[in-house]
C-alpha cells in the first residue's frame, strides 16, 4: 500500500493588479476503497474572501473561492497524501455476462448508465464508429476485455501524444483525423468510440504517478492527467489509460469523474481587468513517495 504525496501548484501572473471572479478547483483526490485520502490542504494567495466545498452531480469534491482583493498574481497550492492500493484488474470468466461482446446491462443499472452510453459528439460520416468496429472480430464472438485492451494500446501505439495549450478538449473527429492529441483528447476519443459500441464509459481527471521502475515510457507526468473508466457488469468501473497503455488503476490517482471533460476541469475561473493584463500560467506538479519524503526529513 504505497503512500504518495501529491503537490500541485498553479500560479496566474498578470502585468498589473486585477480583480478576480469566482474560481473552482477540482484537485482533491477521490477517496475510495483503493485510494485512501490521508490528508489534504488547499492554500490560496491572495486569501479568498470565502472558500466553500461542495459535491458536484458526480460526487466530486469542488472548492469554490470568491475574492475581494486585487493582485498581480493568484496562486493555488494543493497538497495531499494518499494511500494507493490498486486492485488487480477484474478477470472476467465466460460465465460473466460481459465476457463476450455484445452484452446487455442489467435493467436496474441501465437507467443510471444511459448518460455514459449515449454519444455526446457528432459523427456524421460514421468515421468514429468505423474506427471502433475495427476492434471487433467479424468471424467470431469477441472478448470484451480484448476490445478494451486493444483499443487502449491501439491509441497509444498509432497516435502521437502532444501537449496542447489551446483551451478545452478537441473534438474526437479532430483527434482521429490528426492522429494526435493530449491525454484529455485521447480519453474523450476513446469514450466516444466505446459509446458507439454501446459500452458505458466516463471521463476521469487526476494524476499520474511515475515510480522509478515503471516511469520509462510514460507520458503525461508533471501535469494533471486524464483517462477512461468503463463499466462492465460484475466488474464495475475499470480504468483504461490510452495515453500510456495502462489497464487498471496502478499509477493512476483519481480526482474527478464526469460524463464530459468540460465537467472535470482541474482549475478554472475569471479575472476582471484588461484583456492584455494576463501574462502566463505556471504549473508545477509532482507525485512522489511520501515514505521517501519522510526519510529525507529524518536525515
Protein backbone atom coordinates (compact mmCIF):
# COMPACT_ATOMS: atom_id res chain seq x y z
CA UNK A 1 0.00 0.00 0.00
CA UNK A 2 2.31 2.80 -1.19
CA UNK A 3 1.97 6.24 0.35
CA UNK A 4 2.09 9.03 -2.19
CA UNK A 5 2.50 12.76 -1.72
CA UNK A 6 0.87 14.99 -4.35
CA UNK A 7 1.93 18.61 -4.78
CA UNK A 8 0.08 20.79 -7.31
CA UNK A 9 0.90 24.48 -7.67
CA UNK A 10 -0.74 26.79 -10.23
CA UNK A 11 0.20 30.47 -10.45
CA UNK A 12 -1.59 33.00 -12.68
CA UNK A 13 0.52 36.08 -13.46
CA UNK A 14 -0.71 39.48 -14.63
CA UNK A 15 1.05 42.65 -15.78
CA UNK A 16 -0.91 44.76 -13.31
CA UNK A 17 -3.25 44.17 -10.35
CA UNK A 18 -6.62 42.76 -11.40
CA UNK A 19 -9.76 41.66 -9.61
CA UNK A 20 -10.77 38.01 -9.52
CA UNK A 21 -14.09 36.37 -10.16
CA UNK A 22 -15.16 33.01 -8.78
CA UNK A 23 -12.63 30.18 -9.17
CA UNK A 24 -13.42 26.45 -8.96
CA UNK A 25 -10.81 23.84 -8.09
CA UNK A 26 -11.13 20.06 -8.53
CA UNK A 27 -7.82 18.96 -7.01
CA UNK A 28 -8.77 16.81 -4.02
CA UNK A 29 -8.19 13.06 -4.69
CA UNK A 30 -11.37 10.99 -4.81
CA UNK A 31 -11.41 8.76 -1.72
CA UNK A 32 -12.35 5.12 -2.32
CA UNK A 33 -11.57 1.56 -1.21
CA UNK A 34 -8.45 1.53 -3.42
CA UNK A 35 -7.42 5.15 -2.83
CA UNK A 36 -7.50 6.39 0.74
CA UNK A 37 -7.06 10.12 1.31
CA UNK A 38 -4.98 10.59 4.48
CA UNK A 39 -4.71 14.36 4.36
CA UNK A 40 -5.14 17.34 2.07
CA UNK A 41 -4.73 21.11 2.10
CA UNK A 42 -5.52 23.91 -0.31
CA UNK A 43 -3.65 27.21 0.10
CA UNK A 44 -4.71 30.22 -1.99
CA UNK A 45 -2.90 33.57 -2.26
CA UNK A 46 -4.32 36.19 -2.05
CA UNK A 47 -6.56 34.65 0.57
CA UNK A 48 -10.12 34.41 -0.75
CA UNK A 49 -13.00 36.25 0.87
CA UNK A 50 -14.77 32.90 1.12
CA UNK A 51 -13.93 29.30 0.36
CA UNK A 52 -16.58 26.62 0.36
CA UNK A 53 -16.65 22.97 -0.65
CA UNK A 54 -19.41 21.17 -2.47
CA UNK A 55 -20.04 17.78 -4.05
CA UNK A 56 -20.99 18.08 -7.70
CA UNK A 57 -23.51 15.89 -9.51
CA UNK A 58 -20.93 13.07 -9.75
CA UNK A 59 -19.86 13.27 -6.10
CA UNK A 60 -16.55 15.03 -6.85
CA UNK A 61 -15.17 17.48 -4.29
CA UNK A 62 -15.14 21.04 -5.65
CA UNK A 63 -13.64 24.06 -3.88
CA UNK A 64 -15.27 27.40 -4.78
CA UNK A 65 -13.29 30.55 -3.97
CA UNK A 66 -14.57 34.14 -4.05
CA UNK A 67 -12.22 37.14 -3.81
CA UNK A 68 -12.38 40.77 -2.70
CA UNK A 69 -8.72 41.74 -3.28
CA UNK A 70 -6.82 42.82 -6.36
CA UNK A 71 -3.35 41.39 -7.12
CA UNK A 72 -0.93 40.75 -9.96
CA UNK A 73 -0.57 37.06 -9.08
CA UNK A 74 -3.02 34.40 -7.97
CA UNK A 75 -1.71 31.07 -6.70
CA UNK A 76 -3.33 27.77 -5.74
CA UNK A 77 -1.25 25.16 -3.91
CA UNK A 78 -2.88 21.80 -3.31
CA UNK A 79 -1.11 19.12 -1.28
CA UNK A 80 -2.41 15.66 -0.48
CA UNK A 81 -1.19 12.38 0.95
CA UNK A 82 -2.88 9.22 -0.28
CA UNK A 83 -2.58 5.52 0.33
CA UNK A 84 -2.85 3.88 -3.05
CA UNK A 85 -3.88 0.24 -3.09
CA UNK A 86 -4.78 -0.58 -6.70
CA UNK A 87 -6.71 -3.80 -7.03
CA UNK A 88 -5.82 -6.41 -9.60
CA UNK A 89 -7.82 -5.97 -12.77
CA UNK A 90 -11.00 -8.00 -12.52
CA UNK A 91 -10.69 -11.09 -14.69
CA UNK A 92 -13.95 -11.86 -16.45
CA UNK A 93 -14.84 -15.51 -16.98
CA UNK A 94 -17.07 -17.00 -19.69
CA UNK A 95 -19.81 -17.21 -17.06
CA UNK A 96 -19.86 -13.41 -16.64
CA UNK A 97 -22.50 -11.56 -18.72
CA UNK A 98 -19.95 -9.14 -20.18
CA UNK A 99 -17.31 -11.72 -21.12
CA UNK A 100 -18.27 -11.57 -24.79
CA UNK A 101 -19.36 -8.55 -26.80
CA UNK A 102 -22.12 -7.59 -27.34
CA UNK A 103 -23.60 -7.84 -23.86
CA UNK A 104 -26.57 -6.32 -22.04
CA UNK A 105 -26.58 -4.16 -18.94
CA UNK A 106 -28.90 -5.09 -16.11
CA UNK A 107 -32.33 -3.43 -16.29
CA UNK A 108 -31.79 -1.88 -12.85
CA UNK A 109 -28.39 -0.39 -13.80
CA UNK A 110 -29.15 0.76 -17.32
CA UNK A 111 -31.07 3.97 -16.38
CA UNK A 112 -28.07 5.14 -14.34
CA UNK A 113 -25.60 4.21 -17.08
CA UNK A 114 -27.52 5.63 -20.03
CA UNK A 115 -25.81 9.03 -19.86
CA UNK A 116 -22.46 7.24 -20.19
CA UNK A 117 -23.62 5.11 -23.12
CA UNK A 118 -25.14 7.88 -25.24
CA UNK A 119 -22.62 9.56 -27.60
CA UNK A 120 -22.18 13.28 -26.92
CA UNK A 121 -20.35 14.35 -30.09
CA UNK A 122 -21.34 14.17 -33.75
CA UNK A 123 -20.04 11.59 -36.21
CA UNK A 124 -21.92 12.49 -39.43
CA UNK A 125 -19.94 10.22 -41.75
CA UNK A 126 -19.56 7.33 -39.32
CA UNK A 127 -15.75 7.65 -39.14
CA UNK A 128 -15.60 7.22 -35.39
CA UNK A 129 -18.00 4.27 -35.46
CA UNK A 130 -15.95 2.60 -38.21
CA UNK A 131 -12.76 3.05 -36.19
CA UNK A 132 -14.39 1.49 -33.11
CA UNK A 133 -15.63 -1.53 -35.09
CA UNK A 134 -12.06 -2.31 -36.15
CA UNK A 135 -11.61 -3.98 -32.78
CA UNK A 136 -14.45 -6.46 -33.31
CA UNK A 137 -13.87 -9.95 -34.67
CA UNK A 138 -16.34 -10.31 -37.54
CA UNK A 139 -15.87 -14.09 -37.73
CA UNK A 140 -16.49 -14.96 -34.07
CA UNK A 141 -17.55 -13.56 -30.73
CA UNK A 142 -15.10 -11.01 -29.42
CA UNK A 143 -13.87 -10.94 -25.84
CA UNK A 144 -14.99 -7.64 -24.29
CA UNK A 145 -11.73 -7.26 -22.43
CA UNK A 146 -9.82 -7.80 -25.69
CA UNK A 147 -11.76 -4.92 -27.27
CA UNK A 148 -10.96 -2.61 -24.37
CA UNK A 149 -7.31 -3.58 -24.08
CA UNK A 150 -6.70 -3.48 -27.84
CA UNK A 151 -8.33 -0.06 -28.14
CA UNK A 152 -6.28 1.29 -25.21
CA UNK A 153 -2.99 0.07 -26.67
CA UNK A 154 -4.04 0.92 -30.22
CA UNK A 155 -4.43 4.60 -29.39
CA UNK A 156 -1.10 4.67 -27.61
CA UNK A 157 0.73 2.99 -30.50
CA UNK A 158 -0.97 4.63 -33.50
CA UNK A 159 -1.46 8.20 -32.25
CA UNK A 160 1.13 10.87 -31.42
CA UNK A 161 0.88 12.42 -27.96
CA UNK A 162 1.27 16.17 -27.79
CA UNK A 163 0.52 18.77 -25.18
CA UNK A 164 -1.96 21.36 -26.35
CA UNK A 165 -2.20 24.83 -24.84
CA UNK A 166 -5.47 25.68 -26.55
CA UNK A 167 -8.45 25.91 -24.25
CA UNK A 168 -10.71 22.88 -23.92
CA UNK A 169 -10.64 19.38 -25.39
CA UNK A 170 -10.64 18.87 -29.13
CA UNK A 171 -13.48 17.13 -30.96
CA UNK A 172 -12.98 13.33 -31.22
CA UNK A 173 -13.03 13.56 -35.02
CA UNK A 174 -10.11 16.01 -34.89
CA UNK A 175 -8.19 13.50 -32.77
CA UNK A 176 -8.98 10.75 -35.28
CA UNK A 177 -8.09 12.79 -38.35
CA UNK A 178 -4.81 14.20 -36.97
CA UNK A 179 -3.93 11.00 -35.08
CA UNK A 180 -2.68 13.23 -32.26
CA UNK A 181 -3.78 14.92 -29.07
CA UNK A 182 -3.32 15.37 -25.36
CA UNK A 183 -4.33 12.89 -22.66
CA UNK A 184 -7.72 14.60 -22.37
CA UNK A 185 -8.19 14.36 -26.14
CA UNK A 186 -7.29 10.65 -26.08
CA UNK A 187 -9.68 9.97 -23.22
CA UNK A 188 -12.61 11.72 -24.90
CA UNK A 189 -11.86 9.98 -28.20
CA UNK A 190 -11.86 6.52 -26.60
CA UNK A 191 -15.01 7.30 -24.61
CA UNK A 192 -16.94 8.34 -27.71
CA UNK A 193 -15.70 5.28 -29.64
CA UNK A 194 -16.85 2.96 -26.84
CA UNK A 195 -20.23 4.67 -26.58
CA UNK A 196 -20.80 3.94 -30.25
CA UNK A 197 -20.40 0.27 -29.37
CA UNK A 198 -22.97 0.63 -26.59
CA UNK A 199 -20.36 0.39 -23.81
CA UNK A 200 -20.67 2.73 -20.81
CA UNK A 201 -17.61 4.95 -20.43
CA UNK A 202 -16.82 8.10 -18.48
CA UNK A 203 -14.02 10.66 -18.20
CA UNK A 204 -11.52 10.66 -15.33
CA UNK A 205 -9.26 13.54 -14.30
CA UNK A 206 -6.40 13.03 -11.87
CA UNK A 207 -2.67 12.47 -11.60
CA UNK A 208 -0.16 10.01 -12.99
CA UNK A 209 2.33 8.54 -10.54
CA UNK A 210 5.68 7.80 -12.18
CA UNK A 211 7.55 5.31 -9.97
CA UNK A 212 11.21 4.75 -10.96
CA UNK A 213 10.62 1.15 -12.01
CA UNK A 214 7.76 1.98 -14.39
CA UNK A 215 8.23 5.63 -15.35
CA UNK A 216 10.14 4.85 -18.55
CA UNK A 217 7.81 5.34 -21.46
CA UNK A 218 5.09 7.15 -19.51
CA UNK A 219 3.88 10.49 -20.84
CA UNK A 220 1.60 12.97 -19.13
CA UNK A 221 3.52 13.19 -15.86
CA UNK A 222 4.24 16.57 -14.33
CA UNK A 223 0.73 17.73 -15.17
CA UNK A 224 -2.83 16.76 -14.49
CA UNK A 225 -3.73 13.56 -16.32
CA UNK A 226 -6.88 12.08 -17.85
CA UNK A 227 -8.08 8.60 -18.75
CA UNK A 228 -11.21 6.45 -19.13
CA UNK A 229 -13.40 4.35 -16.86
CA UNK A 230 -15.54 1.61 -18.41
CA UNK A 231 -18.45 -0.05 -16.63
CA UNK A 232 -18.86 -3.80 -17.02
CA UNK A 233 -21.43 -5.99 -15.26
CA UNK A 234 -19.80 -7.96 -12.41
CA UNK A 235 -16.60 -5.91 -12.71
CA UNK A 236 -17.85 -2.35 -12.13
CA UNK A 237 -15.80 0.65 -13.24
CA UNK A 238 -12.37 -0.27 -14.65
CA UNK A 239 -9.61 2.20 -15.60
CA UNK A 240 -8.05 2.38 -19.07
CA UNK A 241 -5.36 4.94 -19.89
CA UNK A 242 -4.92 5.18 -23.69
CA UNK A 243 -2.08 7.68 -23.31
CA UNK A 244 0.18 5.16 -21.57
CA UNK A 245 -1.48 1.83 -22.29
CA UNK A 246 -2.36 1.27 -18.63
CA UNK A 247 -5.15 -1.18 -17.83
CA UNK A 248 -6.29 -0.99 -14.22
CA UNK A 249 -5.69 1.71 -11.63
CA UNK A 250 -1.99 1.25 -10.88
CA UNK A 251 -0.14 4.58 -11.11
CA UNK A 252 -3.44 6.45 -11.66
CA UNK A 253 -4.70 8.78 -8.90
CA UNK A 254 -8.37 9.70 -9.41
CA UNK A 255 -9.59 13.19 -8.60
CA UNK A 256 -12.84 13.54 -10.55
CA UNK A 257 -15.15 11.54 -12.80
CA UNK A 258 -17.57 13.04 -15.30
CA UNK A 259 -19.72 12.39 -18.35
CA UNK A 260 -17.80 15.01 -20.36
CA UNK A 261 -14.33 16.60 -19.93
CA UNK A 262 -15.92 20.04 -19.56
CA UNK A 263 -17.35 18.84 -16.23
CA UNK A 264 -13.93 17.90 -14.82
CA UNK A 265 -11.65 20.91 -15.26
CA UNK A 266 -8.98 20.87 -12.51
CA UNK A 267 -8.93 24.66 -12.03
CA UNK A 268 -10.73 27.48 -13.75
CA UNK A 269 -12.05 30.96 -13.07
CA UNK A 270 -12.22 34.57 -14.28
CA UNK A 271 -10.31 37.77 -13.74
CA UNK A 272 -11.67 41.30 -14.12
CA UNK A 273 -9.34 43.62 -15.97
CA UNK A 274 -7.87 44.47 -19.40
CA UNK A 275 -7.60 41.54 -21.81
CA UNK A 276 -3.85 42.08 -22.22
CA UNK A 277 -3.25 42.02 -18.45
CA UNK A 278 -2.86 38.23 -18.38
CA UNK A 279 0.78 37.20 -18.87
CA UNK A 280 1.02 33.47 -18.23
CA UNK A 281 0.11 30.49 -16.10
CA UNK A 282 2.81 28.39 -14.40
CA UNK A 283 2.02 24.86 -13.23
CA UNK A 284 4.19 22.59 -11.08
CA UNK A 285 3.00 19.07 -10.21
CA UNK A 286 4.78 16.21 -8.51
CA UNK A 287 3.59 12.80 -7.32
CA UNK A 288 6.24 11.14 -5.16
CA UNK A 289 6.62 8.54 -2.47
CA UNK A 290 5.60 10.02 0.87
CA UNK A 291 7.80 7.47 2.65
CA UNK A 292 10.92 8.73 0.85
CA UNK A 293 9.98 12.28 1.81
CA UNK A 294 9.70 11.34 5.49
CA UNK A 295 13.08 9.56 5.36
CA UNK A 296 14.70 12.67 3.90
CA UNK A 297 13.21 14.81 6.68
CA UNK A 298 14.62 12.47 9.35
CA UNK A 299 18.02 12.56 7.66
